[in-house]
């Protein structure tokens, strides 16, 4: 797991200096920028739309990953494609039969991901695991940053890893929510390919670069 990808959630940044924050994250060695898109309906909070990744797209070469926590993601796909986002992930709870939308995302030139909440059985994903490039396992209920990690998330990741390996799909597993020094080894050892984090990087005692170094060290220890 030494090739672990680190995705920094821009939601943890200082929005007064968003471009500087993005450049700091890139210099720190993150692989992806993660955009949490909330509509105030699927989740209580409202964040931002495609405007933010579009504003940053010309300023960094990082991979852009947008997580749509919205009731009607189909309407948003063209905007994120136009903004230069590399991958859009949609909630299985919002689109229980996502095959058509996954195809639309691919046809828009982006990679496609599915997201599953802690309370949703993994079986909901089974028919679609070979239709998407990534599955994002939420370690918290979506909608608020800084929540506590849901115990057992690592077990769900391990089960999902087995499911994906059994069908021979190249699908990556990502995790978002409650990542810190104690929980990161759990999800890495369970088979996570991508860690999404805001607080761990932005609040790390050594800054984002220190957080990246710690995650890389943990991944290297996994082997």
Protein backbone atom coordinates (compact mmCIF):
# COMPACT_ATOMS: atom_id res chain seq x y z
CA UNK A 1 0.00 0.00 0.00
CA UNK A 2 2.99 2.29 -0.41
CA UNK A 3 1.25 3.83 -3.43
CA UNK A 4 -1.55 5.22 -1.24
CA UNK A 5 -3.16 8.33 -2.73
CA UNK A 6 -3.85 11.26 -0.44
CA UNK A 7 -6.83 13.43 -1.29
CA UNK A 8 -7.06 16.73 0.56
CA UNK A 9 -10.58 17.99 1.15
CA UNK A 10 -10.62 21.66 0.27
CA UNK A 11 -13.47 22.07 2.75
CA UNK A 12 -10.85 22.33 5.50
CA UNK A 13 -9.05 25.20 3.81
CA UNK A 14 -9.16 28.89 4.67
CA UNK A 15 -11.49 30.14 1.93
CA UNK A 16 -10.12 33.65 2.27
CA UNK A 17 -6.90 32.30 0.75
CA UNK A 18 -8.14 29.35 -1.25
CA UNK A 19 -5.57 29.51 -4.05
CA UNK A 20 -2.71 29.77 -1.55
CA UNK A 21 -4.13 26.79 0.35
CA UNK A 22 -4.35 24.72 -2.83
CA UNK A 23 -0.75 25.54 -3.70
CA UNK A 24 0.35 24.64 -0.16
CA UNK A 25 -1.37 21.28 -0.44
CA UNK A 26 0.26 20.58 -3.79
CA UNK A 27 3.67 21.50 -2.42
CA UNK A 28 2.99 19.26 0.59
CA UNK A 29 2.71 16.27 -1.74
CA UNK A 30 -1.01 15.49 -1.84
CA UNK A 31 -2.19 13.62 -4.93
CA UNK A 32 -5.77 14.84 -5.27
CA UNK A 33 -7.94 17.78 -4.30
CA UNK A 34 -11.34 16.68 -3.00
CA UNK A 35 -14.40 18.91 -3.38
CA UNK A 36 -17.35 18.26 -1.06
CA UNK A 37 -20.46 19.45 -2.88
CA UNK A 38 -23.49 19.79 -0.57
CA UNK A 39 -26.90 21.03 -1.68
CA UNK A 40 -28.73 21.65 1.60
CA UNK A 41 -31.24 18.95 0.65
CA UNK A 42 -29.48 15.57 0.48
CA UNK A 43 -27.50 16.88 3.46
CA UNK A 44 -28.26 19.86 5.69
CA UNK A 45 -25.27 21.97 4.76
CA UNK A 46 -24.67 23.98 1.58
CA UNK A 47 -21.09 24.35 0.39
CA UNK A 48 -20.37 25.30 -3.23
CA UNK A 49 -20.80 24.12 -6.80
CA UNK A 50 -18.55 23.78 -9.82
CA UNK A 51 -17.41 27.39 -9.49
CA UNK A 52 -14.65 26.52 -7.01
CA UNK A 53 -12.93 23.72 -8.95
CA UNK A 54 -13.29 25.79 -12.12
CA UNK A 55 -11.50 28.70 -10.43
CA UNK A 56 -8.64 26.47 -9.29
CA UNK A 57 -8.31 24.25 -12.36
CA UNK A 58 -5.82 26.44 -14.20
CA UNK A 59 -3.68 26.91 -11.09
CA UNK A 60 -2.73 23.32 -10.27
CA UNK A 61 -2.14 20.03 -12.00
CA UNK A 62 -3.61 17.98 -9.15
CA UNK A 63 -6.32 15.41 -9.81
CA UNK A 64 -9.73 16.91 -8.98
CA UNK A 65 -12.24 14.64 -7.26
CA UNK A 66 -15.77 15.95 -6.62
CA UNK A 67 -18.12 14.21 -4.18
CA UNK A 68 -21.69 15.17 -4.99
CA UNK A 69 -23.83 15.08 -1.85
CA UNK A 70 -26.86 16.25 -3.80
CA UNK A 71 -30.34 14.93 -4.49
CA UNK A 72 -30.16 15.26 -8.29
CA UNK A 73 -26.55 14.69 -9.36
CA UNK A 74 -27.49 14.17 -13.02
CA UNK A 75 -28.15 17.90 -13.43
CA UNK A 76 -24.69 18.77 -12.11
CA UNK A 77 -22.52 16.50 -14.27
CA UNK A 78 -22.09 18.92 -17.21
CA UNK A 79 -21.01 21.75 -14.92
CA UNK A 80 -18.26 19.68 -13.29
CA UNK A 81 -17.08 18.34 -16.62
CA UNK A 82 -16.81 21.89 -17.93
CA UNK A 83 -14.94 22.91 -14.78
CA UNK A 84 -12.17 20.41 -15.52
CA UNK A 85 -12.95 17.95 -12.71
CA UNK A 86 -11.30 14.57 -13.25
CA UNK A 87 -13.72 12.40 -11.30
CA UNK A 88 -17.25 12.78 -9.98
CA UNK A 89 -18.55 10.49 -7.24
CA UNK A 90 -22.27 10.13 -6.54
CA UNK A 91 -24.15 8.74 -3.56
CA UNK A 92 -25.73 5.32 -4.03
CA UNK A 93 -28.46 6.53 -1.66
CA UNK A 94 -29.38 9.33 -4.08
CA UNK A 95 -29.24 7.12 -7.19
CA UNK A 96 -29.96 3.48 -6.24
CA UNK A 97 -29.72 2.42 -9.92
CA UNK A 98 -26.71 4.47 -11.07
CA UNK A 99 -25.65 2.63 -14.25
CA UNK A 100 -27.02 5.28 -16.60
CA UNK A 101 -25.50 8.14 -14.65
CA UNK A 102 -22.12 6.40 -14.43
CA UNK A 103 -22.22 6.11 -18.21
CA UNK A 104 -23.07 9.82 -18.50
CA UNK A 105 -20.10 10.70 -16.29
CA UNK A 106 -17.79 8.60 -18.45
CA UNK A 107 -19.24 10.10 -21.63
CA UNK A 108 -18.46 13.54 -20.20
CA UNK A 109 -14.77 12.57 -20.09
CA UNK A 110 -14.56 12.03 -16.35
CA UNK A 111 -13.95 9.03 -14.13
CA UNK A 112 -16.92 7.90 -12.05
CA UNK A 113 -17.20 6.98 -8.40
CA UNK A 114 -19.88 5.68 -6.07
CA UNK A 115 -20.21 6.71 -2.43
CA UNK A 116 -21.81 4.66 0.34
CA UNK A 117 -22.89 5.87 3.78
CA UNK A 118 -22.18 3.95 7.01
CA UNK A 119 -25.78 2.76 7.37
CA UNK A 120 -26.16 1.46 3.79
CA UNK A 121 -25.45 -2.24 3.21
CA UNK A 122 -22.48 -2.92 0.93
CA UNK A 123 -24.72 -5.17 -1.17
CA UNK A 124 -26.20 -2.02 -2.72
CA UNK A 125 -22.92 -1.57 -4.61
CA UNK A 126 -22.47 -5.12 -5.90
CA UNK A 127 -24.07 -4.73 -9.36
CA UNK A 128 -22.01 -1.64 -10.12
CA UNK A 129 -18.50 -2.36 -8.84
CA UNK A 130 -17.12 -2.94 -12.34
CA UNK A 131 -18.80 0.20 -13.71
CA UNK A 132 -16.90 2.76 -11.67
CA UNK A 133 -13.27 3.63 -11.04
CA UNK A 134 -13.70 4.24 -7.31
CA UNK A 135 -15.92 3.47 -4.33
CA UNK A 136 -15.81 5.99 -1.50
CA UNK A 137 -16.68 4.46 1.87
CA UNK A 138 -17.88 7.12 4.28
CA UNK A 139 -16.43 6.81 7.76
CA UNK A 140 -19.05 9.31 9.01
CA UNK A 141 -22.53 10.33 8.01
CA UNK A 142 -22.05 12.97 5.29
CA UNK A 143 -22.76 16.63 5.80
CA UNK A 144 -20.32 17.91 8.43
CA UNK A 145 -16.54 18.03 8.65
CA UNK A 146 -14.64 17.00 11.77
CA UNK A 147 -16.90 14.13 12.87
CA UNK A 148 -15.72 11.08 14.81
CA UNK A 149 -14.84 7.95 12.86
CA UNK A 150 -17.54 5.27 12.79
CA UNK A 151 -16.17 2.08 14.39
CA UNK A 152 -16.21 -0.84 12.00
CA UNK A 153 -15.56 1.23 8.89
CA UNK A 154 -12.35 -0.70 8.39
CA UNK A 155 -14.34 -3.95 8.35
CA UNK A 156 -16.58 -2.58 5.60
CA UNK A 157 -13.48 -1.61 3.62
CA UNK A 158 -12.03 -5.10 4.01
CA UNK A 159 -15.30 -6.69 2.87
CA UNK A 160 -15.46 -4.35 -0.11
CA UNK A 161 -11.84 -5.13 -0.97
CA UNK A 162 -12.72 -8.83 -1.12
CA UNK A 163 -15.77 -8.16 -3.29
CA UNK A 164 -13.76 -6.12 -5.78
CA UNK A 165 -10.90 -8.60 -5.89
CA UNK A 166 -13.31 -11.49 -6.45
CA UNK A 167 -14.63 -9.95 -9.68
CA UNK A 168 -11.18 -8.79 -10.78
CA UNK A 169 -12.17 -5.13 -11.09
CA UNK A 170 -9.53 -2.38 -10.89
CA UNK A 171 -11.86 -0.24 -8.77
CA UNK A 172 -10.12 1.83 -6.10
CA UNK A 173 -11.39 2.10 -2.54
CA UNK A 174 -11.42 5.49 -0.87
CA UNK A 175 -12.40 6.48 2.67
CA UNK A 176 -13.53 9.83 4.04
CA UNK A 177 -14.35 10.85 7.59
CA UNK A 178 -12.71 10.69 10.98
CA UNK A 179 -9.18 10.06 9.75
CA UNK A 180 -6.44 10.68 12.31
CA UNK A 181 -3.27 8.97 13.56
CA UNK A 182 -5.28 6.24 15.27
CA UNK A 183 -7.74 5.46 12.48
CA UNK A 184 -5.48 5.84 9.44
CA UNK A 185 -3.64 2.54 10.06
CA UNK A 186 -6.99 0.73 10.38
CA UNK A 187 -8.26 1.82 6.98
CA UNK A 188 -4.88 1.43 5.27
CA UNK A 189 -4.49 -2.12 6.55
CA UNK A 190 -8.04 -2.93 5.45
CA UNK A 191 -7.19 -2.17 1.83
CA UNK A 192 -7.83 1.52 1.26
CA UNK A 193 -6.26 3.02 -1.87
CA UNK A 194 -7.23 6.67 -1.32
CA UNK A 195 -7.57 8.58 1.94
CA UNK A 196 -9.67 11.74 1.92
CA UNK A 197 -8.97 14.07 4.80
CA UNK A 198 -9.30 17.69 5.82
CA UNK A 199 -8.69 18.03 9.55
CA UNK A 200 -5.77 15.60 9.65
CA UNK A 201 -3.83 17.66 7.11
CA UNK A 202 -4.86 21.19 8.00
CA UNK A 203 -4.57 20.69 11.78
CA UNK A 204 -1.47 18.52 11.79
CA UNK A 205 1.20 19.87 14.18
CA UNK A 206 3.66 19.98 11.27
CA UNK A 207 1.15 21.33 8.78
CA UNK A 208 -0.11 19.58 5.63
CA UNK A 209 3.38 18.42 4.69
CA UNK A 210 3.72 16.70 8.07
CA UNK A 211 0.34 15.04 7.64
CA UNK A 212 1.31 13.77 4.20
CA UNK A 213 4.61 12.41 5.55
CA UNK A 214 2.81 10.58 8.35
CA UNK A 215 0.29 8.98 5.99
CA UNK A 216 3.08 7.95 3.60
CA UNK A 217 4.98 6.38 6.49
CA UNK A 218 1.92 4.42 7.58
CA UNK A 219 1.33 3.24 4.01
CA UNK A 220 4.95 2.17 3.63
CA UNK A 221 4.71 0.20 6.85
CA UNK A 222 1.76 -1.68 5.39
CA UNK A 223 3.94 -2.67 2.44
